[in-house]
Protein backbone atom coordinates (compact mmCIF):
# COMPACT_ATOMS: atom_id res chain seq x y z
CA MET A 1 10.99 2.76 -12.96
CA HIS A 2 9.37 5.95 -12.69
CA GLU A 3 8.03 9.22 -14.97
CA PHE A 4 10.00 11.52 -12.36
CA SER A 5 13.04 13.02 -13.90
CA PHE A 6 15.43 16.43 -14.21
CA ARG A 7 15.57 18.24 -17.21
CA ASN A 8 17.75 21.55 -17.43
CA ASN A 9 17.76 21.12 -13.50
CA GLU A 10 14.40 21.00 -12.95
CA PHE A 11 12.56 17.81 -11.60
CA TYR A 12 9.56 16.68 -13.57
CA CYS A 13 6.85 14.38 -13.21
CA GLU A 14 6.42 12.80 -16.57
CA ASP A 15 6.06 16.00 -18.91
CA ILE A 16 4.98 18.51 -16.58
CA LYS A 17 7.45 21.00 -13.85
CA ILE A 18 6.64 20.15 -10.24
CA ALA A 19 7.50 23.56 -9.62
CA ASP A 20 4.69 24.87 -11.87
CA ILE A 21 2.10 22.15 -10.35
CA ALA A 22 3.24 23.32 -6.34
CA ALA A 23 2.39 26.93 -7.84
CA ARG A 24 -0.73 26.33 -8.51
CA VAL A 25 -1.99 23.40 -6.42
CA GLY A 26 -0.07 24.75 -2.94
CA THR A 27 2.34 22.26 -0.67
CA PRO A 28 2.48 20.22 0.51
CA PHE A 29 1.10 17.72 -1.90
CA TYR A 30 0.83 13.53 -3.54
CA LEU A 31 1.81 14.01 -6.89
CA TYR A 32 1.11 11.02 -8.90
CA SER A 33 2.20 9.42 -12.15
CA TYR A 34 -0.47 7.40 -14.07
CA LYS A 35 1.78 6.43 -16.52
CA THR A 36 4.15 4.49 -13.63
CA LEU A 37 1.29 3.46 -12.06
CA ILE A 38 0.12 1.64 -14.90
CA ASP A 39 3.03 0.38 -16.08
CA HIS A 40 4.31 -0.87 -12.91
CA TYR A 41 0.15 -3.02 -12.90
CA LYS A 42 1.22 -3.66 -16.38
CA LYS A 43 4.50 -4.94 -15.62
CA LEU A 44 3.10 -7.89 -13.34
CA LYS A 45 0.76 -8.38 -15.61
CA THR A 46 2.71 -9.42 -18.14
CA ALA A 47 5.04 -11.26 -15.69
CA PHE A 48 2.58 -13.60 -14.66
CA GLN A 49 0.50 -14.00 -18.27
CA PRO A 50 1.51 -17.94 -18.65
CA ILE A 51 -1.43 -18.31 -15.13
CA LYS A 52 -3.67 -15.94 -15.70
CA PRO A 53 -3.75 -14.79 -12.14
CA LEU A 54 -6.13 -12.02 -11.05
CA ILE A 55 -4.34 -9.65 -9.72
CA SER A 56 -6.12 -7.68 -7.28
CA PHE A 57 -4.32 -4.03 -5.95
CA SER A 58 -3.74 -3.72 -2.33
CA MET A 59 -5.79 -0.16 -1.49
CA LYS A 60 -4.24 -0.20 1.88
CA SER A 61 -1.18 1.10 0.13
CA ASN A 62 -2.94 3.90 -1.34
CA SER A 63 -6.79 4.16 -1.66
CA ASN A 64 -7.56 7.56 -3.45
CA LEU A 65 -10.45 7.38 -5.80
CA ALA A 66 -8.43 8.20 -8.84
CA VAL A 67 -5.60 5.73 -8.45
CA ILE A 68 -8.13 2.89 -7.72
CA ARG A 69 -10.42 3.93 -10.43
CA ALA A 70 -7.32 4.05 -12.70
CA LEU A 71 -6.18 0.70 -12.01
CA VAL A 72 -9.87 -0.98 -12.36
CA LYS A 73 -10.05 0.65 -15.96
CA ASN A 74 -7.17 -1.20 -16.79
CA GLY A 75 -8.38 -4.40 -15.64
CA ALA A 76 -6.97 -4.80 -11.73
CA GLY A 77 -9.43 -6.09 -9.00
CA LEU A 78 -8.66 -4.62 -5.66
CA ASP A 79 -7.86 -6.63 -2.64
CA VAL A 80 -9.49 -4.64 0.38
CA VAL A 81 -9.16 -4.72 4.41
CA SER A 82 -12.11 -2.74 5.57
CA GLY A 83 -15.82 -1.48 5.26
CA GLY A 84 -14.22 1.94 3.81
CA GLU A 85 -12.06 0.62 1.29
CA LEU A 86 -14.83 -1.56 -0.14
CA TYR A 87 -17.27 1.42 -0.03
CA ARG A 88 -14.48 3.66 -2.19
CA ALA A 89 -13.97 0.19 -4.43
CA ARG A 90 -17.33 0.35 -5.07
CA LEU A 91 -17.37 4.17 -6.39
CA ALA A 92 -14.19 2.93 -8.36
CA GLY A 93 -16.61 1.07 -10.34
CA VAL A 94 -14.47 -2.23 -9.99
CA ASN A 95 -16.29 -5.55 -10.34
CA PRO A 96 -17.19 -7.51 -7.09
CA LYS A 97 -15.90 -10.65 -8.87
CA LYS A 98 -12.47 -9.17 -8.61
CA VAL A 99 -12.76 -8.18 -4.72
CA VAL A 100 -11.11 -9.91 -2.19
CA TYR A 101 -11.52 -9.13 1.34
CA ALA A 102 -8.78 -9.53 4.06
CA GLY A 103 -8.12 -8.14 7.57
CA VAL A 104 -8.15 -9.74 11.07
CA GLY A 105 -11.25 -7.72 11.96
CA LYS A 106 -14.00 -7.45 9.82
CA ARG A 107 -17.26 -5.87 11.41
CA SER A 108 -20.78 -7.88 11.23
CA ASP A 109 -22.04 -5.18 8.77
CA GLU A 110 -18.88 -5.09 6.86
CA ILE A 111 -19.10 -8.09 6.33
CA LYS A 112 -23.08 -7.70 5.54
CA ASP A 113 -21.97 -5.48 3.02
CA ALA A 114 -19.35 -7.19 1.38
CA ILE A 115 -21.75 -10.00 0.98
CA GLU A 116 -24.80 -8.06 -0.96
CA PHE A 117 -21.74 -6.62 -2.86
CA GLY A 118 -21.18 -9.79 -4.21
CA ILE A 119 -17.33 -9.93 -3.33
CA LEU A 120 -15.38 -13.30 -4.89
CA PHE A 121 -13.53 -14.11 -1.81
CA PHE A 122 -13.14 -13.32 2.47
CA ASN A 123 -9.77 -14.37 3.35
CA THR A 124 -10.71 -15.46 6.93
CA GLU A 125 -7.94 -15.42 10.03
CA SER A 126 -9.59 -16.52 12.79
CA GLU A 127 -12.60 -19.86 13.17
CA ASP A 128 -14.63 -16.90 15.33
CA GLU A 129 -14.24 -15.02 11.97
CA LEU A 130 -15.52 -18.02 10.26
CA GLU A 131 -18.37 -18.55 12.85
CA GLU A 132 -19.70 -14.88 11.91
CA ILE A 133 -19.51 -15.30 8.18
CA GLN A 134 -21.54 -17.84 8.32
CA SER A 135 -24.15 -16.57 10.46
CA ILE A 136 -24.54 -13.36 8.13
CA ALA A 137 -24.71 -15.65 5.31
CA GLY A 138 -27.20 -18.10 6.38
CA LYS A 139 -29.71 -14.80 7.29
CA LEU A 140 -28.71 -13.44 3.53
CA ASN A 141 -29.40 -16.90 2.57
CA ARG A 142 -26.19 -16.22 0.49
CA LYS A 143 -23.13 -18.96 -0.57
CA VAL A 144 -20.05 -17.09 0.13
CA ASN A 145 -16.69 -18.09 -1.24
CA VAL A 146 -14.00 -18.05 1.74
CA ALA A 147 -10.28 -18.85 1.66
CA ILE A 148 -8.23 -19.71 5.08
CA ARG A 149 -4.98 -17.60 5.48
CA ILE A 150 -2.37 -19.61 6.26
CA ASN A 151 0.37 -18.70 8.87
CA PRO A 152 3.04 -20.64 7.05
CA ASP A 153 5.80 -19.35 9.54
CA VAL A 154 8.37 -18.01 7.34
CA ILE A 155 10.35 -14.67 8.21
CA PRO A 156 11.18 -12.58 5.31
CA LYS A 157 14.18 -10.18 5.97
CA THR A 158 12.36 -7.06 6.49
CA HIS A 159 11.03 -4.55 8.73
CA HIS A 160 9.65 -6.79 11.75
CA TYR A 161 6.39 -4.47 11.65
CA ILE A 162 5.78 -5.70 8.50
CA ALA A 163 6.76 -9.70 8.50
CA THR A 164 3.34 -10.96 8.60
CA GLY A 165 4.15 -14.49 8.26
CA LYS A 166 6.07 -15.28 11.39
CA GLY A 167 4.64 -17.77 13.57
CA GLU A 168 3.97 -15.31 16.61
CA SER A 169 2.18 -12.63 14.08
CA LYS A 170 -1.52 -12.09 14.73
CA PHE A 171 -2.17 -12.71 11.03
CA GLY A 172 -3.23 -16.02 9.80
CA LEU A 173 -3.65 -19.72 10.98
CA ASP A 174 -1.47 -22.34 12.00
CA PHE A 175 -1.30 -25.82 9.67
CA ASP A 176 -3.52 -27.73 12.46
CA THR A 177 -5.97 -25.56 12.92
CA ALA A 178 -6.39 -24.88 9.27
CA HIS A 179 -6.65 -28.93 8.70
CA LYS A 180 -9.27 -28.79 10.87
CA ILE A 181 -11.53 -26.06 8.99
CA PHE A 182 -10.75 -27.74 5.76
CA ASN A 183 -12.07 -31.61 7.65
CA MET A 184 -14.84 -29.94 9.23
CA ARG A 185 -16.07 -27.40 6.29
CA TRP A 186 -19.70 -29.53 6.63
CA LYS A 187 -20.42 -27.07 10.10
CA TYR A 188 -20.64 -24.18 7.00
CA PRO A 189 -23.25 -24.73 5.27
CA ASN A 190 -23.24 -21.32 3.75
CA LEU A 191 -19.46 -21.24 3.10
CA ASN A 192 -17.59 -22.29 -0.14
CA ILE A 193 -14.52 -23.16 1.84
CA ASN A 194 -12.84 -23.35 -1.34
CA GLY A 195 -9.18 -21.41 -1.65
CA VAL A 196 -5.97 -20.94 0.63
CA HIS A 197 -3.77 -17.68 0.97
CA VAL A 198 -0.61 -16.52 2.46
CA HIS A 199 0.93 -12.85 3.29
CA ILE A 200 4.32 -13.14 4.37
CA GLY A 201 4.82 -9.49 4.45
CA SER A 202 5.62 -6.04 2.82
CA GLN A 203 9.20 -5.09 1.23
CA ILE A 204 10.51 -8.12 0.88
CA LEU A 205 13.34 -8.08 -1.78
CA ASP A 206 14.10 -11.94 -3.20
CA ALA A 207 11.55 -14.30 -4.22
CA LYS A 208 13.25 -17.16 -1.55
CA PRO A 209 10.58 -16.38 1.14
CA PHE A 210 7.73 -16.25 -1.39
CA GLU A 211 8.92 -19.62 -2.73
CA ASP A 212 9.01 -21.06 0.90
CA ALA A 213 6.21 -19.71 1.74
CA ILE A 214 4.07 -21.43 -1.44
CA GLU A 215 5.75 -24.64 -1.03
CA LYS A 216 4.78 -25.13 2.74
CA VAL A 217 1.19 -24.15 1.58
CA LEU A 218 1.00 -26.45 -1.41
CA GLU A 219 3.15 -29.61 0.70
CA PHE A 220 0.34 -29.14 3.19
CA LEU A 221 -2.57 -28.98 1.30
CA LYS A 222 -1.06 -32.43 -0.61
CA ALA A 223 0.05 -34.12 2.24
CA ARG A 224 -3.57 -33.59 4.27
CA LYS A 225 -5.34 -34.26 0.53
CA ILE A 226 -7.13 -31.02 0.94
CA ASP A 227 -8.82 -29.95 -2.10
CA VAL A 228 -9.35 -25.95 -2.59
CA GLU A 229 -10.13 -24.14 -6.54
CA TYR A 230 -8.19 -21.17 -5.19
CA PHE A 231 -4.57 -19.81 -3.74
CA ASN A 232 -4.25 -16.22 -3.27
CA ILE A 233 -0.26 -15.79 -2.62
CA GLY A 234 -0.72 -12.28 -1.41
CA GLY A 235 1.91 -9.39 -2.24
CA GLY A 236 5.23 -7.78 -0.27
CA LEU A 237 7.37 -7.68 -3.16
CA GLY A 238 10.13 -4.99 -2.24
CA ILE A 239 10.91 -1.88 -4.25
CA ILE A 240 13.92 0.90 -4.65
CA TYR A 241 13.69 3.70 -2.27
CA SER A 242 17.77 4.18 -1.96
CA ILE A 243 20.71 1.07 -2.25
CA GLU A 244 18.00 -1.54 -3.16
CA ASN A 245 18.05 -4.03 -5.54
CA PRO A 246 14.92 -5.86 -5.46
CA GLN A 247 13.72 -8.46 -7.71
CA THR A 248 11.94 -7.58 -10.86
CA ALA A 249 8.12 -8.82 -11.77
CA LYS A 250 9.69 -11.13 -14.60
CA SER A 251 12.42 -12.52 -11.89
CA PHE A 252 10.01 -13.11 -9.34
CA ALA A 253 7.67 -14.99 -11.52
CA GLN A 254 10.28 -17.04 -13.26
CA LYS A 255 11.23 -18.12 -9.50
CA VAL A 256 7.29 -18.52 -8.56
CA ILE A 257 5.10 -19.74 -11.84
CA PRO A 258 6.76 -23.23 -11.73
CA LEU A 259 5.48 -23.97 -8.61
CA LEU A 260 1.95 -22.53 -9.26
CA LYS A 261 1.44 -24.28 -12.84
CA LYS A 262 2.24 -27.34 -10.73
CA SER A 263 -0.63 -26.63 -8.42
CA ARG A 264 -3.12 -26.33 -11.21
CA LEU A 265 -5.05 -23.83 -8.75
CA LYS A 266 -6.27 -20.54 -10.04
CA ILE A 267 -3.92 -17.78 -8.92
CA ILE A 268 -4.29 -14.46 -6.86
CA LEU A 269 -1.73 -11.92 -6.45
CA GLU A 270 -2.18 -8.76 -3.95
CA PRO A 271 0.56 -6.37 -5.24
CA GLY A 272 0.27 -3.08 -3.52
CA ARG A 273 3.22 -0.90 -3.20
CA PHE A 274 5.42 -2.71 -5.86
CA VAL A 275 2.30 -0.81 -8.13
CA SER A 276 1.89 2.42 -6.11
CA GLY A 277 5.08 2.72 -4.03
CA ASN A 278 7.67 5.22 -7.09
CA SER A 279 4.16 6.53 -8.97
CA GLY A 280 3.89 9.46 -6.45
CA VAL A 281 5.93 11.67 -4.23
CA LEU A 282 5.84 13.76 -2.12
CA VAL A 283 6.36 18.03 -2.86
CA THR A 284 6.90 20.18 0.41
CA ARG A 285 8.24 23.65 1.08
CA VAL A 286 11.26 24.93 3.04
CA ILE A 287 9.75 27.10 6.11
CA TYR A 288 13.03 27.62 7.80
CA THR A 289 16.59 26.50 8.10
CA LYS A 290 18.16 26.65 11.38
CA ARG A 291 21.81 25.86 12.47
CA THR A 292 23.12 24.66 16.02
CA PRO A 293 26.25 23.81 17.28
CA ARG A 294 25.92 19.99 16.21
CA LYS A 295 23.52 19.90 13.44
CA LYS A 296 21.94 21.92 10.38
CA PHE A 297 17.85 21.58 10.50
CA VAL A 298 15.96 22.40 7.07
CA ILE A 299 12.29 22.72 8.62
CA MET A 300 9.52 21.96 6.05
CA ASP A 301 6.08 22.59 5.83
CA SER A 302 4.80 18.67 5.95
CA GLY A 303 6.79 16.08 8.25
CA MET A 304 5.04 12.46 9.73
CA SER A 305 1.28 13.76 9.74
CA ASP A 306 1.72 13.19 6.34
CA LEU A 307 4.40 10.99 5.88
CA ILE A 308 5.08 8.66 9.02
CA ARG A 309 7.09 5.83 6.88
CA PRO A 310 10.22 7.32 8.29
CA SER A 311 9.47 8.05 11.75
CA LEU A 312 7.41 4.22 11.94
CA TYR A 313 9.45 1.99 10.15
CA GLU A 314 12.81 4.10 10.33
CA ALA A 315 12.08 4.04 6.55
CA TYR A 316 14.53 5.70 4.27
CA HIS A 317 13.11 8.09 1.16
CA LYS A 318 15.35 9.65 -1.31
CA ILE A 319 15.11 13.20 -0.78
CA VAL A 320 15.40 15.70 -3.78
CA PRO A 321 15.31 19.54 -4.74
CA VAL A 322 12.96 20.86 -7.16
CA LYS A 323 15.16 22.88 -8.69
CA VAL A 324 19.08 22.69 -8.85
CA ALA A 325 21.07 25.52 -9.14
CA GLU A 326 24.26 25.45 -11.45
CA ASN A 327 27.65 24.38 -9.49
CA SER A 328 24.99 23.11 -6.62
CA SER A 329 27.37 20.19 -5.71
CA GLU A 330 29.88 22.82 -4.83
CA THR A 331 27.61 23.78 -1.89
CA CYS A 332 26.17 20.31 -0.61
CA GLU A 333 26.15 19.73 3.19
CA LYS A 334 24.94 17.13 5.72
CA VAL A 335 21.29 18.29 6.79
CA ASP A 336 18.59 16.64 9.15
CA ILE A 337 15.24 17.22 7.12
CA VAL A 338 12.35 17.76 9.62
CA GLY A 339 8.90 18.82 10.20
CA PRO A 340 6.75 21.03 12.36
CA ILE A 341 5.38 17.98 14.36
CA CYS A 342 6.09 18.71 18.02
CA GLU A 343 7.98 15.35 17.73
CA SER A 344 11.41 14.83 18.15
CA GLY A 345 10.58 11.67 15.90
CA ASP A 346 9.16 13.66 13.66
CA PHE A 347 11.25 13.73 10.44
CA LEU A 348 12.22 13.34 6.42
CA GLY A 349 15.44 12.25 6.41
CA LYS A 350 18.41 12.47 8.54
CA ASP A 351 21.86 13.19 7.84
CA ARG A 352 21.13 13.69 4.02
CA LEU A 353 23.75 15.67 1.98
CA LEU A 354 21.85 18.26 0.10
CA PRO A 355 22.55 21.38 -1.88
CA GLN A 356 22.45 24.61 0.32
CA VAL A 357 18.58 24.99 0.11
CA PHE A 358 17.02 28.37 1.32
CA LYS A 359 12.91 29.55 2.87
CA ASN A 360 10.26 28.50 0.15
CA ASP A 361 12.33 26.00 -1.77
CA LEU A 362 10.78 22.43 -2.75
CA LEU A 363 12.32 19.26 -2.27
CA ALA A 364 10.28 15.76 -3.53
CA VAL A 365 10.42 12.87 -0.97
CA MET A 366 10.65 9.47 -3.46
CA GLY A 367 8.77 7.02 -3.12
CA ALA A 368 5.70 8.25 -1.46
CA GLY A 369 2.78 6.21 -3.77
CA ALA A 370 2.45 3.58 -0.98
CA TYR A 371 1.62 3.90 2.32
CA GLY A 372 1.94 7.67 2.18
CA PHE A 373 -1.27 9.82 2.17
CA THR A 374 -3.66 6.04 3.69
CA MET A 375 -1.15 6.60 6.45
CA ALA A 376 -2.00 10.41 7.07
CA SER A 377 -2.92 11.74 10.14
CA ASN A 378 -4.53 15.65 11.77
CA TYR A 379 -1.80 15.24 14.07
CA ASN A 380 -1.16 18.25 15.87
CA ALA A 381 -4.68 19.61 14.62
CA ARG A 382 -3.11 20.04 10.61
CA PRO A 383 -5.18 19.83 7.68
CA ARG A 384 -3.54 16.81 5.47
CA PRO A 385 -2.31 17.59 2.36
CA ALA A 386 -3.66 17.62 -1.26
CA GLU A 387 -3.37 14.55 -4.13
CA VAL A 388 -2.87 15.35 -7.54
CA MET A 389 -2.60 13.16 -10.83
CA VAL A 390 -0.12 13.84 -13.85
CA ILE A 391 -2.42 12.14 -16.86
CA ASN A 392 -1.80 12.44 -20.62
CA LYS A 393 0.61 15.65 -20.11
CA ASP A 394 -2.17 17.34 -17.65
CA PHE A 395 -2.46 17.31 -13.73
CA TYR A 396 -5.84 16.85 -11.73
CA VAL A 397 -6.44 17.58 -8.48
CA ILE A 398 -7.47 14.29 -7.05
CA ARG A 399 -7.90 15.30 -3.76
CA LYS A 400 -8.31 18.88 -2.22
CA HIS A 401 -6.11 19.88 0.94
CA GLU A 402 -7.84 19.77 3.57
CA THR A 403 -9.35 23.21 5.26
CA TYR A 404 -9.73 23.75 9.22
CA ARG A 405 -13.80 23.41 8.78
CA ASP A 406 -12.42 19.87 7.65
CA LEU A 407 -10.69 19.12 11.22
CA VAL A 408 -13.65 19.57 13.24
CA ARG A 409 -16.30 18.55 10.43
CA GLY A 410 -18.65 16.21 12.92
CA GLU A 411 -17.44 17.72 16.74
CA THR A 412 -19.94 19.57 18.78
CA ILE A 413 -19.90 21.60 22.02
CA PRO A 414 -22.49 19.90 24.37
CA LYS A 415 -24.71 22.73 25.74
CA VAL A 416 -23.40 21.95 29.61
CA LEU A 417 -19.70 23.38 28.45
CA LYS A 418 -21.63 26.43 26.98
């Protein structure tokens, strides 16, 4: 689970009162539990120990330097999808031979940087991309490992925006195109096309779609007599946000390890949300309350610019008070918890039963460690929030609050407008 809990009506992260952190740091801020982060990584590592896979954490879920350094220090690799993520990965001290690089639109400069860094693999998604990697690798006189991302046309039960293994998706290649590429490996003398990659989506709660995708890919390799060394099965394991009942690392491993063992391939996993999701919360402060004939609104100092998942995916995040008054259950009422952004879609939670809250009270939005800060923006010219991590009974600001000066960094007014 996670290391966020109530003690005597006060909400704690590990052994520290969240209210004490808020008093020192100011709101809003993301708060991460180091112990939760590492525990979830180790659950996967333990569950898959029989096949000893490379576990490369998906940085798109959380790319803070302290977060990825914590995982790297505990043996993780990293899954990157951009030059910026690769830059962060290097600053975090990752072993390049534990880095896999995905994404449908890698630029030539990003490819060059990754080759020079010496990453383990590119997960390639098109013939054009293969030709580009070949061209750059040839100029650098390097031999580069490549895995072909296959779209297995498997549709998991998840939000359609984060289902990536459907036939109509922009991700991956169909089986026939993949077969053609494997048959024409000679065309790419600087590429070692020795892997397959599949990633069917995110927040997937049961093993069946993974099993279907893995079986499809392995059957493809067998039927077409394709010889590879690596099989990257991606990520996408779901977590508890509310009433979900997701598979555990152990139950997932028990379902897929028998399939993977028979393949005799080296296995790579790319977990993101499973590791970081429940390791973080968003701490936000009540600015105002407002009652209309139809609704009561609790207006926070944080909204969709900080956490866009509720607006973008209609995602549910549990929201709890950081301090609960005695007999608070007697004063609970249904409210919409909204932000300060000038959009009707700016909300953190709708129709939530909360104890009565007042100006300056603190709320914690749970399950915000994945796709929280990484998807934050400066919309409405709002500085992005701080990030904080609790480690060994102390807390550290691992990213400062942005300032107004940060908002205009790099901008200039041309002389003609002065």
